[in-house]
PDB file of N, CA and C in Angstrom:
ATOM      1  N   UNK A   1       9.282  37.389  43.530  1.00  0.00           N
ATOM      2  CA  UNK A   1       8.876  36.898  42.221  1.00  0.00           C
ATOM      3  C   UNK A   1       8.301  35.489  42.388  1.00  0.00           C
ATOM      4  N   UNK A   2       7.178  35.240  41.761  1.00  0.00           N
ATOM      5  CA  UNK A   2       6.534  33.935  41.819  1.00  0.00           C
ATOM      6  C   UNK A   2       7.048  33.064  40.693  1.00  0.00           C
ATOM      7  N   UNK A   3       7.404  31.851  41.034  1.00  0.00           N
ATOM      8  CA  UNK A   3       7.877  30.913  40.021  1.00  0.00           C
ATOM      9  C   UNK A   3       6.688  30.127  39.483  1.00  0.00           C
ATOM     10  N   UNK A   4       6.582  30.064  38.173  1.00  0.00           N
ATOM     11  CA  UNK A   4       5.509  29.322  37.519  1.00  0.00           C
ATOM     12  C   UNK A   4       6.090  28.037  36.961  1.00  0.00           C
ATOM     13  N   UNK A   5       5.457  26.926  37.283  1.00  0.00           N
ATOM     14  CA  UNK A   5       5.901  25.629  36.796  1.00  0.00           C
ATOM     15  C   UNK A   5       4.856  25.072  35.847  1.00  0.00           C
ATOM     16  N   UNK A   6       5.289  24.650  34.690  1.00  0.00           N
ATOM     17  CA  UNK A   6       4.390  24.066  33.702  1.00  0.00           C
ATOM     18  C   UNK A   6       4.644  22.571  33.592  1.00  0.00           C
ATOM     19  N   UNK A   7       3.580  21.862  33.438  1.00  0.00           N
ATOM     20  CA  UNK A   7       3.689  20.426  33.207  1.00  0.00           C
ATOM     21  C   UNK A   7       3.367  20.171  31.743  1.00  0.00           C
ATOM     22  N   UNK A   8       4.328  19.670  31.008  1.00  0.00           N
ATOM     23  CA  UNK A   8       4.127  19.398  29.588  1.00  0.00           C
ATOM     24  C   UNK A   8       2.960  18.443  29.375  1.00  0.00           C
ATOM     25  N   UNK A   9       2.867  17.394  30.195  1.00  0.00           N
ATOM     26  CA  UNK A   9       1.779  16.419  30.061  1.00  0.00           C
ATOM     27  C   UNK A   9       0.420  17.059  30.295  1.00  0.00           C
ATOM     28  N   UNK A  10       0.315  17.927  31.314  1.00  0.00           N
ATOM     29  CA  UNK A  10      -0.958  18.587  31.580  1.00  0.00           C
ATOM     30  C   UNK A  10      -1.333  19.548  30.466  1.00  0.00           C
ATOM     31  N   UNK A  11      -0.350  20.236  29.892  1.00  0.00           N
ATOM     32  CA  UNK A  11      -0.617  21.152  28.790  1.00  0.00           C
ATOM     33  C   UNK A  11      -1.158  20.392  27.588  1.00  0.00           C
ATOM     34  N   UNK A  12      -0.575  19.261  27.264  1.00  0.00           N
ATOM     35  CA  UNK A  12      -1.058  18.432  26.156  1.00  0.00           C
ATOM     36  C   UNK A  12      -2.463  17.932  26.458  1.00  0.00           C
ATOM     37  N   UNK A  13      -2.675  17.449  27.655  1.00  0.00           N
ATOM     38  CA  UNK A  13      -3.988  16.938  28.055  1.00  0.00           C
ATOM     39  C   UNK A  13      -5.052  18.023  27.922  1.00  0.00           C
ATOM     40  N   UNK A  14      -4.768  19.214  28.416  1.00  0.00           N
ATOM     41  CA  UNK A  14      -5.727  20.313  28.346  1.00  0.00           C
ATOM     42  C   UNK A  14      -6.002  20.720  26.904  1.00  0.00           C
ATOM     43  N   UNK A  15      -4.980  20.735  26.072  1.00  0.00           N
ATOM     44  CA  UNK A  15      -5.141  21.100  24.667  1.00  0.00           C
ATOM     45  C   UNK A  15      -6.010  20.088  23.938  1.00  0.00           C
ATOM     46  N   UNK A  16      -5.771  18.807  24.175  1.00  0.00           N
ATOM     47  CA  UNK A  16      -6.575  17.759  23.539  1.00  0.00           C
ATOM     48  C   UNK A  16      -8.020  17.846  24.003  1.00  0.00           C
ATOM     49  N   UNK A  17      -8.236  18.055  25.297  1.00  0.00           N
ATOM     50  CA  UNK A  17      -9.599  18.157  25.813  1.00  0.00           C
ATOM     51  C   UNK A  17     -10.327  19.366  25.235  1.00  0.00           C
ATOM     52  N   UNK A  18      -9.630  20.492  25.083  1.00  0.00           N
ATOM     53  CA  UNK A  18     -10.234  21.688  24.504  1.00  0.00           C
ATOM     54  C   UNK A  18     -10.584  21.462  23.037  1.00  0.00           C
ATOM     55  N   UNK A  19      -9.678  20.879  22.274  1.00  0.00           N
ATOM     56  CA  UNK A  19      -9.940  20.595  20.865  1.00  0.00           C
ATOM     57  C   UNK A  19     -11.122  19.645  20.714  1.00  0.00           C
ATOM     58  N   UNK A  20     -11.176  18.635  21.551  1.00  0.00           N
ATOM     59  CA  UNK A  20     -12.286  17.668  21.536  1.00  0.00           C
ATOM     60  C   UNK A  20     -13.609  18.381  21.802  1.00  0.00           C
ATOM     61  N   UNK A  21     -13.639  19.244  22.813  1.00  0.00           N
ATOM     62  CA  UNK A  21     -14.843  20.000  23.156  1.00  0.00           C
ATOM     63  C   UNK A  21     -15.262  20.913  22.005  1.00  0.00           C
ATOM     64  N   UNK A  22     -14.310  21.611  21.398  1.00  0.00           N
ATOM     65  CA  UNK A  22     -14.610  22.507  20.284  1.00  0.00           C
ATOM     66  C   UNK A  22     -15.180  21.746  19.095  1.00  0.00           C
ATOM     67  N   UNK A  23     -14.607  20.594  18.780  1.00  0.00           N
ATOM     68  CA  UNK A  23     -15.111  19.772  17.669  1.00  0.00           C
ATOM     69  C   UNK A  23     -16.551  19.356  17.936  1.00  0.00           C
ATOM     70  N   UNK A  24     -16.812  18.852  19.141  1.00  0.00           N
ATOM     71  CA  UNK A  24     -18.157  18.385  19.478  1.00  0.00           C
ATOM     72  C   UNK A  24     -19.163  19.535  19.488  1.00  0.00           C
ATOM     73  N   UNK A  25     -18.782  20.693  20.011  1.00  0.00           N
ATOM     74  CA  UNK A  25     -19.685  21.844  20.038  1.00  0.00           C
ATOM     75  C   UNK A  25     -20.012  22.337  18.635  1.00  0.00           C
ATOM     76  N   UNK A  26     -19.084  22.151  17.711  1.00  0.00           N
ATOM     77  CA  UNK A  26     -19.304  22.560  16.320  1.00  0.00           C
ATOM     78  C   UNK A  26     -20.064  21.500  15.527  1.00  0.00           C
ATOM     79  N   UNK A  27     -20.366  20.368  16.163  1.00  0.00           N
ATOM     80  CA  UNK A  27     -21.122  19.316  15.492  1.00  0.00           C
ATOM     81  C   UNK A  27     -20.277  18.327  14.715  1.00  0.00           C
ATOM     82  N   UNK A  28     -18.978  18.325  14.970  1.00  0.00           N
ATOM     83  CA  UNK A  28     -18.079  17.426  14.257  1.00  0.00           C
ATOM     84  C   UNK A  28     -17.581  16.315  15.186  1.00  0.00           C
ATOM     85  N   UNK A  29     -17.230  15.172  14.612  1.00  0.00           N
ATOM     86  CA  UNK A  29     -16.630  14.123  15.440  1.00  0.00           C
ATOM     87  C   UNK A  29     -15.175  14.467  15.753  1.00  0.00           C
ATOM     88  N   UNK A  30     -14.665  13.865  16.809  1.00  0.00           N
ATOM     89  CA  UNK A  30     -13.270  14.026  17.198  1.00  0.00           C
ATOM     90  C   UNK A  30     -12.534  12.755  16.815  1.00  0.00           C
ATOM     91  N   UNK A  31     -11.488  12.901  16.008  1.00  0.00           N
ATOM     92  CA  UNK A  31     -10.741  11.734  15.551  1.00  0.00           C
ATOM     93  C   UNK A  31      -9.689  11.340  16.584  1.00  0.00           C
ATOM     94  N   UNK A  32      -9.676  10.057  16.906  1.00  0.00           N
ATOM     95  CA  UNK A  32      -8.685   9.500  17.819  1.00  0.00           C
ATOM     96  C   UNK A  32      -7.835   8.532  17.012  1.00  0.00           C
ATOM     97  N   UNK A  33      -6.591   8.908  16.789  1.00  0.00           N
ATOM     98  CA  UNK A  33      -5.690   8.042  16.028  1.00  0.00           C
ATOM     99  C   UNK A  33      -5.117   6.979  16.957  1.00  0.00           C
ATOM    100  N   UNK A  34      -5.099   5.772  16.472  1.00  0.00           N
ATOM    101  CA  UNK A  34      -4.587   4.654  17.259  1.00  0.00           C
ATOM    102  C   UNK A  34      -3.361   4.092  16.568  1.00  0.00           C
ATOM    103  N   UNK A  35      -2.298   4.012  17.292  1.00  0.00           N
ATOM    104  CA  UNK A  35      -1.082   3.426  16.716  1.00  0.00           C
ATOM    105  C   UNK A  35      -0.984   1.977  17.166  1.00  0.00           C
ATOM    106  N   UNK A  36      -1.148   1.075  16.198  1.00  0.00           N
ATOM    107  CA  UNK A  36      -1.008  -0.339  16.497  1.00  0.00           C
ATOM    108  C   UNK A  36      -2.296  -1.065  16.818  1.00  0.00           C
ATOM    109  N   UNK A  37      -3.324  -0.342  17.229  1.00  0.00           N
ATOM    110  CA  UNK A  37      -4.584  -0.992  17.583  1.00  0.00           C
ATOM    111  C   UNK A  37      -5.481  -1.193  16.357  1.00  0.00           C
ATOM    112  N   UNK A  38      -5.366  -0.289  15.395  1.00  0.00           N
ATOM    113  CA  UNK A  38      -6.139  -0.366  14.154  1.00  0.00           C
ATOM    114  C   UNK A  38      -5.180  -0.393  12.970  1.00  0.00           C
ATOM    115  N   UNK A  39      -5.708  -0.692  11.798  1.00  0.00           N
ATOM    116  CA  UNK A  39      -4.901  -0.603  10.577  1.00  0.00           C
ATOM    117  C   UNK A  39      -4.453   0.840  10.377  1.00  0.00           C
ATOM    118  N   UNK A  40      -3.401   1.048   9.619  1.00  0.00           N
ATOM    119  CA  UNK A  40      -2.841   2.391   9.440  1.00  0.00           C
ATOM    120  C   UNK A  40      -3.799   3.349   8.740  1.00  0.00           C
ATOM    121  N   UNK A  41      -4.782   2.827   8.018  1.00  0.00           N
ATOM    122  CA  UNK A  41      -5.748   3.688   7.330  1.00  0.00           C
ATOM    123  C   UNK A  41      -7.067   3.788   8.100  1.00  0.00           C
ATOM    124  N   UNK A  42      -7.053   3.427   9.376  1.00  0.00           N
ATOM    125  CA  UNK A  42      -8.258   3.478  10.202  1.00  0.00           C
ATOM    126  C   UNK A  42      -8.041   4.377  11.422  1.00  0.00           C
ATOM    127  N   UNK A  43      -9.161   4.855  11.962  1.00  0.00           N
ATOM    128  CA  UNK A  43      -9.127   5.683  13.172  1.00  0.00           C
ATOM    129  C   UNK A  43     -10.446   5.524  13.907  1.00  0.00           C
ATOM    130  N   UNK A  44     -10.466   6.009  15.135  1.00  0.00           N
ATOM    131  CA  UNK A  44     -11.708   6.074  15.901  1.00  0.00           C
ATOM    132  C   UNK A  44     -12.300   7.463  15.694  1.00  0.00           C
ATOM    133  N   UNK A  45     -13.618   7.549  15.556  1.00  0.00           N
ATOM    134  CA  UNK A  45     -14.316   8.831  15.512  1.00  0.00           C
ATOM    135  C   UNK A  45     -15.266   8.861  16.696  1.00  0.00           C
ATOM    136  N   UNK A  46     -15.069   9.847  17.568  1.00  0.00           N
ATOM    137  CA  UNK A  46     -15.941   9.994  18.735  1.00  0.00           C
ATOM    138  C   UNK A  46     -16.918  11.129  18.467  1.00  0.00           C
ATOM    139  N   UNK A  47     -18.196  10.864  18.683  1.00  0.00           N
ATOM    140  CA  UNK A  47     -19.249  11.851  18.465  1.00  0.00           C
ATOM    141  C   UNK A  47     -19.706  12.426  19.802  1.00  0.00           C
ATOM    142  N   UNK A  48     -20.327  13.599  19.761  1.00  0.00           N
ATOM    143  CA  UNK A  48     -20.756  14.296  20.974  1.00  0.00           C
ATOM    144  C   UNK A  48     -21.720  13.471  21.818  1.00  0.00           C
ATOM    145  N   UNK A  49     -22.460  12.566  21.186  1.00  0.00           N
ATOM    146  CA  UNK A  49     -23.412  11.731  21.932  1.00  0.00           C
ATOM    147  C   UNK A  49     -22.739  10.544  22.621  1.00  0.00           C
ATOM    148  N   UNK A  50     -21.401  10.438  22.509  1.00  0.00           N
ATOM    149  CA  UNK A  50     -20.657   9.388  23.194  1.00  0.00           C
ATOM    150  C   UNK A  50     -20.341   8.173  22.349  1.00  0.00           C
ATOM    151  N   UNK A  51     -20.935   8.091  21.175  1.00  0.00           N
ATOM    152  CA  UNK A  51     -20.680   6.950  20.290  1.00  0.00           C
ATOM    153  C   UNK A  51     -19.279   7.068  19.695  1.00  0.00           C
ATOM    154  N   UNK A  52     -18.576   5.948  19.643  1.00  0.00           N
ATOM    155  CA  UNK A  52     -17.284   5.890  18.960  1.00  0.00           C
ATOM    156  C   UNK A  52     -17.380   4.833  17.875  1.00  0.00           C
ATOM    157  N   UNK A  53     -16.954   5.218  16.677  1.00  0.00           N
ATOM    158  CA  UNK A  53     -16.956   4.307  15.535  1.00  0.00           C
ATOM    159  C   UNK A  53     -15.540   4.132  15.012  1.00  0.00           C
ATOM    160  N   UNK A  54     -15.298   2.985  14.409  1.00  0.00           N
ATOM    161  CA  UNK A  54     -14.061   2.767  13.668  1.00  0.00           C
ATOM    162  C   UNK A  54     -14.371   3.147  12.227  1.00  0.00           C
ATOM    163  N   UNK A  55     -13.513   3.975  11.634  1.00  0.00           N
ATOM    164  CA  UNK A  55     -13.689   4.378  10.244  1.00  0.00           C
ATOM    165  C   UNK A  55     -12.428   4.037   9.461  1.00  0.00           C
ATOM    166  N   UNK A  56     -12.597   3.922   8.156  1.00  0.00           N
ATOM    167  CA  UNK A  56     -11.470   3.600   7.274  1.00  0.00           C
ATOM    168  C   UNK A  56     -11.359   4.684   6.216  1.00  0.00           C
ATOM    169  N   UNK A  57     -10.165   5.240   6.066  1.00  0.00           N
ATOM    170  CA  UNK A  57      -9.922   6.313   5.107  1.00  0.00           C
ATOM    171  C   UNK A  57      -9.564   5.752   3.735  1.00  0.00           C
ATOM    172  N   UNK A  58      -9.883   6.547   2.696  1.00  0.00           N
ATOM    173  CA  UNK A  58      -9.480   6.157   1.349  1.00  0.00           C
ATOM    174  C   UNK A  58      -7.972   6.384   1.196  1.00  0.00           C
ATOM    175  N   UNK A  59      -7.435   6.062   0.030  1.00  0.00           N
ATOM    176  CA  UNK A  59      -5.979   6.132  -0.183  1.00  0.00           C
ATOM    177  C   UNK A  59      -5.421   7.539  -0.001  1.00  0.00           C
ATOM    178  N   UNK A  60      -6.200   8.560  -0.343  1.00  0.00           N
ATOM    179  CA  UNK A  60      -5.742   9.948  -0.228  1.00  0.00           C
ATOM    180  C   UNK A  60      -6.072  10.565   1.131  1.00  0.00           C
ATOM    181  N   UNK A  61      -6.732   9.814   2.000  1.00  0.00           N
ATOM    182  CA  UNK A  61      -7.160  10.296   3.315  1.00  0.00           C
ATOM    183  C   UNK A  61      -8.062  11.529   3.201  1.00  0.00           C
ATOM    184  N   UNK A  62      -8.887  11.557   2.158  1.00  0.00           N
ATOM    185  CA  UNK A  62      -9.818  12.671   1.960  1.00  0.00           C
ATOM    186  C   UNK A  62     -11.218  12.349   2.451  1.00  0.00           C
ATOM    187  N   UNK A  63     -11.550  11.089   2.465  1.00  0.00           N
ATOM    188  CA  UNK A  63     -12.871  10.684   2.950  1.00  0.00           C
ATOM    189  C   UNK A  63     -12.735   9.359   3.685  1.00  0.00           C
ATOM    190  N   UNK A  64     -13.774   9.032   4.418  1.00  0.00           N
ATOM    191  CA  UNK A  64     -13.731   7.788   5.182  1.00  0.00           C
ATOM    192  C   UNK A  64     -15.084   7.108   5.152  1.00  0.00           C
ATOM    193  N   UNK A  65     -15.061   5.820   5.469  1.00  0.00           N
ATOM    194  CA  UNK A  65     -16.297   5.043   5.507  1.00  0.00           C
ATOM    195  C   UNK A  65     -16.388   4.308   6.841  1.00  0.00           C
ATOM    196  N   UNK A  66     -17.597   4.027   7.224  1.00  0.00           N
ATOM    197  CA  UNK A  66     -17.900   3.353   8.482  1.00  0.00           C
ATOM    198  C   UNK A  66     -17.418   1.911   8.437  1.00  0.00           C
ATOM    199  N   UNK A  67     -16.780   1.443   9.513  1.00  0.00           N
ATOM    200  CA  UNK A  67     -16.376   0.046   9.649  1.00  0.00           C
ATOM    201  C   UNK A  67     -17.250  -0.632  10.698  1.00  0.00           C
ATOM    202  N   UNK A  68     -17.262  -0.068  11.915  1.00  0.00           N
ATOM    203  CA  UNK A  68     -18.116  -0.631  12.961  1.00  0.00           C
ATOM    204  C   UNK A  68     -18.256   0.342  14.125  1.00  0.00           C
ATOM    205  N   UNK A  69     -19.313   0.154  14.894  1.00  0.00           N
ATOM    206  CA  UNK A  69     -19.556   0.948  16.098  1.00  0.00           C
ATOM    207  C   UNK A  69     -19.060   0.172  17.308  1.00  0.00           C
ATOM    208  N   UNK A  70     -18.358   0.850  18.204  1.00  0.00           N
ATOM    209  CA  UNK A  70     -17.861   0.214  19.416  1.00  0.00           C
ATOM    210  C   UNK A  70     -18.989   0.072  20.437  1.00  0.00           C
ATOM    211  N   UNK A  71     -18.910  -0.962  21.241  1.00  0.00           N
ATOM    212  CA  UNK A  71     -19.852  -1.110  22.352  1.00  0.00           C
ATOM    213  C   UNK A  71     -19.551  -0.007  23.369  1.00  0.00           C
ATOM    214  N   UNK A  72     -20.460   0.220  24.298  1.00  0.00           N
ATOM    215  CA  UNK A  72     -20.232   1.256  25.308  1.00  0.00           C
ATOM    216  C   UNK A  72     -19.011   0.929  26.170  1.00  0.00           C
ATOM    217  N   UNK A  73     -18.777  -0.337  26.419  1.00  0.00           N
ATOM    218  CA  UNK A  73     -17.597  -0.744  27.201  1.00  0.00           C
ATOM    219  C   UNK A  73     -16.319  -0.458  26.414  1.00  0.00           C
ATOM    220  N   UNK A  74     -16.307  -0.820  25.123  1.00  0.00           N
ATOM    221  CA  UNK A  74     -15.134  -0.545  24.277  1.00  0.00           C
ATOM    222  C   UNK A  74     -14.884   0.955  24.184  1.00  0.00           C
ATOM    223  N   UNK A  75     -15.950   1.735  24.018  1.00  0.00           N
ATOM    224  CA  UNK A  75     -15.814   3.191  23.904  1.00  0.00           C
ATOM    225  C   UNK A  75     -15.204   3.776  25.174  1.00  0.00           C
ATOM    226  N   UNK A  76     -15.654   3.300  26.313  1.00  0.00           N
ATOM    227  CA  UNK A  76     -15.110   3.761  27.591  1.00  0.00           C
ATOM    228  C   UNK A  76     -13.623   3.429  27.705  1.00  0.00           C
ATOM    229  N   UNK A  77     -13.242   2.241  27.269  1.00  0.00           N
ATOM    230  CA  UNK A  77     -11.833   1.834  27.311  1.00  0.00           C
ATOM    231  C   UNK A  77     -10.975   2.713  26.399  1.00  0.00           C
ATOM    232  N   UNK A  78     -11.498   3.054  25.224  1.00  0.00           N
ATOM    233  CA  UNK A  78     -10.760   3.914  24.288  1.00  0.00           C
ATOM    234  C   UNK A  78     -10.583   5.303  24.890  1.00  0.00           C
ATOM    235  N   UNK A  79     -11.640   5.848  25.496  1.00  0.00           N
ATOM    236  CA  UNK A  79     -11.523   7.160  26.142  1.00  0.00           C
ATOM    237  C   UNK A  79     -10.468   7.130  27.248  1.00  0.00           C
ATOM    238  N   UNK A  80     -10.468   6.089  28.047  1.00  0.00           N
ATOM    239  CA  UNK A  80      -9.481   5.973  29.124  1.00  0.00           C
ATOM    240  C   UNK A  80      -8.057   5.903  28.562  1.00  0.00           C
ATOM    241  N   UNK A  81      -7.900   5.163  27.490  1.00  0.00           N
ATOM    242  CA  UNK A  81      -6.568   4.935  26.926  1.00  0.00           C
ATOM    243  C   UNK A  81      -6.027   6.149  26.168  1.00  0.00           C
ATOM    244  N   UNK A  82      -6.867   6.763  25.334  1.00  0.00           N
ATOM    245  CA  UNK A  82      -6.378   7.805  24.433  1.00  0.00           C
ATOM    246  C   UNK A  82      -6.745   9.225  24.830  1.00  0.00           C
ATOM    247  N   UNK A  83      -7.728   9.387  25.687  1.00  0.00           N
ATOM    248  CA  UNK A  83      -8.145  10.739  26.052  1.00  0.00           C
ATOM    249  C   UNK A  83      -7.856  11.034  27.515  1.00  0.00           C
ATOM    250  N   UNK A  84      -6.880  10.365  28.058  1.00  0.00           N
ATOM    251  CA  UNK A  84      -6.394  10.647  29.407  1.00  0.00           C
ATOM    252  C   UNK A  84      -7.484  10.532  30.460  1.00  0.00           C
ATOM    253  N   UNK A  85      -8.350   9.553  30.307  1.00  0.00           N
ATOM    254  CA  UNK A  85      -9.367   9.308  31.321  1.00  0.00           C
ATOM    255  C   UNK A  85     -10.571  10.217  31.262  1.00  0.00           C
ATOM    256  N   UNK A  86     -10.788  10.872  30.128  1.00  0.00           N
ATOM    257  CA  UNK A  86     -11.948  11.763  29.975  1.00  0.00           C
ATOM    258  C   UNK A  86     -13.214  10.955  30.083  1.00  0.00           C
TER     259      UNK A  86
END
């Protein structure tokens, strides 16, 4: 009998990467929630073209508005930090 070993961290990483790919392929941005780096009503939105923006949600979290676009260096740092080095 072959023993199968699962890595919880790898499973989470693969799931996040798959969800990110599916969002981008469907033409939607991928939301990256930041705990402590942004205000509680803000998040990063990553687009398929590589651009990452900071957005701010309304009180009901139903819509959001643009705050600022990250530089390419900042975007790379966010990907390294929150997307496991993608």
